C-alpha cells in the first residue's frame, strides 16, 4: 500500500513525474490518488519511493 508522510513531503513532484497515474500534487504535497494494480505501476511506485529526496513515500 502506498502512503505518504505529509510532514516529510516537500512537494518536489518527482513522484508525479515518475508515476502520474498514482501520484498527484495537492496543496503543495504529494497525494496517492490510487494504489498500483499492474506490475508496471508497482515498478513506478518503487522508483518513486527510491527517488523521493525526503523519504516521504512508502509502499
C-alpha atoms as a PDB file:
ATOM      1  CA  UNK A   1       0.000   0.000   0.000  1.00  0.00           C
ATOM      2  CA  UNK A   2       1.343   3.425  -0.980  1.00  0.00           C
ATOM      3  CA  UNK A   3       1.431   6.022   1.775  1.00  0.00           C
ATOM      4  CA  UNK A   4       2.961   9.474   2.072  1.00  0.00           C
ATOM      5  CA  UNK A   5       4.155  11.160   5.238  1.00  0.00           C
ATOM      6  CA  UNK A   6       2.810  14.664   4.600  1.00  0.00           C
ATOM      7  CA  UNK A   7       5.103  16.265   7.194  1.00  0.00           C
ATOM      8  CA  UNK A   8       8.147  14.978   5.268  1.00  0.00           C
ATOM      9  CA  UNK A   9       6.883  15.831   1.775  1.00  0.00           C
ATOM     10  CA  UNK A  10       8.385  18.994   0.259  1.00  0.00           C
ATOM     11  CA  UNK A  11       6.254  18.854  -2.897  1.00  0.00           C
ATOM     12  CA  UNK A  12       9.138  18.450  -5.331  1.00  0.00           C
ATOM     13  CA  UNK A  13       6.935  16.447  -7.719  1.00  0.00           C
ATOM     14  CA  UNK A  14       9.416  13.694  -8.563  1.00  0.00           C
ATOM     15  CA  UNK A  15       6.818  11.043  -7.740  1.00  0.00           C
ATOM     16  CA  UNK A  16       4.283  12.712 -10.047  1.00  0.00           C
ATOM     17  CA  UNK A  17       6.859  12.853 -12.847  1.00  0.00           C
ATOM     18  CA  UNK A  18       7.553   9.126 -12.482  1.00  0.00           C
ATOM     19  CA  UNK A  19       4.026   7.844 -11.819  1.00  0.00           C
ATOM     20  CA  UNK A  20       1.352  10.436 -12.711  1.00  0.00           C
ATOM     21  CA  UNK A  21      -1.374   7.780 -12.623  1.00  0.00           C
ATOM     22  CA  UNK A  22      -0.578   7.102  -8.953  1.00  0.00           C
ATOM     23  CA  UNK A  23       0.536  10.462  -7.529  1.00  0.00           C
ATOM     24  CA  UNK A  24      -0.803  13.998  -7.705  1.00  0.00           C
ATOM     25  CA  UNK A  25       0.281  17.214  -6.009  1.00  0.00           C
ATOM     26  CA  UNK A  26      -2.484  18.724  -3.910  1.00  0.00           C
ATOM     27  CA  UNK A  27      -1.936  21.822  -1.769  1.00  0.00           C
ATOM     28  CA  UNK A  28       1.800  21.565  -2.377  1.00  0.00           C
ATOM     29  CA  UNK A  29       2.097  17.982  -1.119  1.00  0.00           C
ATOM     30  CA  UNK A  30       2.088  14.611  -2.860  1.00  0.00           C
ATOM     31  CA  UNK A  31      -1.027  12.503  -2.624  1.00  0.00           C
ATOM     32  CA  UNK A  32      -1.573   8.903  -3.731  1.00  0.00           C
ATOM     33  CA  UNK A  33      -4.683   9.047  -5.877  1.00  0.00           C
ATOM     34  CA  UNK A  34      -4.841   5.275  -6.357  1.00  0.00           C
ATOM     35  CA  UNK A  35      -2.984   2.147  -5.392  1.00  0.00           C
ATOM     36  CA  UNK A  36      -0.824   0.423  -8.017  1.00  0.00           C
ATOM     37  CA  UNK A  37      -2.526  -2.513  -9.692  1.00  0.00           C
ATOM     38  CA  UNK A  38      -0.283  -3.622 -12.519  1.00  0.00           C
ATOM     39  CA  UNK A  39       3.342  -4.726 -12.365  1.00  0.00           C
ATOM     40  CA  UNK A  40       4.299  -1.607 -14.326  1.00  0.00           C
ATOM     41  CA  UNK A  41       2.540   0.653 -11.809  1.00  0.00           C
ATOM     42  CA  UNK A  42       4.190  -1.196  -8.921  1.00  0.00           C
ATOM     43  CA  UNK A  43       7.592  -0.735 -10.555  1.00  0.00           C
ATOM     44  CA  UNK A  44       6.969   3.001 -10.997  1.00  0.00           C
ATOM     45  CA  UNK A  45       5.945   3.315  -7.340  1.00  0.00           C
ATOM     46  CA  UNK A  46       9.187   1.597  -6.334  1.00  0.00           C
ATOM     47  CA  UNK A  47      11.086   4.119  -8.466  1.00  0.00           C
ATOM     48  CA  UNK A  48       9.191   6.984  -6.806  1.00  0.00           C
ATOM     49  CA  UNK A  49       9.995   5.615  -3.342  1.00  0.00           C
ATOM     50  CA  UNK A  50      13.682   5.388  -4.256  1.00  0.00           C
ATOM     51  CA  UNK A  51      13.912   8.875  -5.786  1.00  0.00           C
ATOM     52  CA  UNK A  52      11.957  10.796  -3.130  1.00  0.00           C
ATOM     53  CA  UNK A  53      14.503  13.207  -1.602  1.00  0.00           C
ATOM     54  CA  UNK A  54      12.877  13.188   1.836  1.00  0.00           C
ATOM     55  CA  UNK A  55      11.868   9.500   2.034  1.00  0.00           C
ATOM     56  CA  UNK A  56       8.247  10.569   2.445  1.00  0.00           C
ATOM     57  CA  UNK A  57       6.824   7.718   0.331  1.00  0.00           C
ATOM     58  CA  UNK A  58       6.498   4.128   1.432  1.00  0.00           C
ATOM     59  CA  UNK A  59       4.990   1.166  -0.332  1.00  0.00           C
END
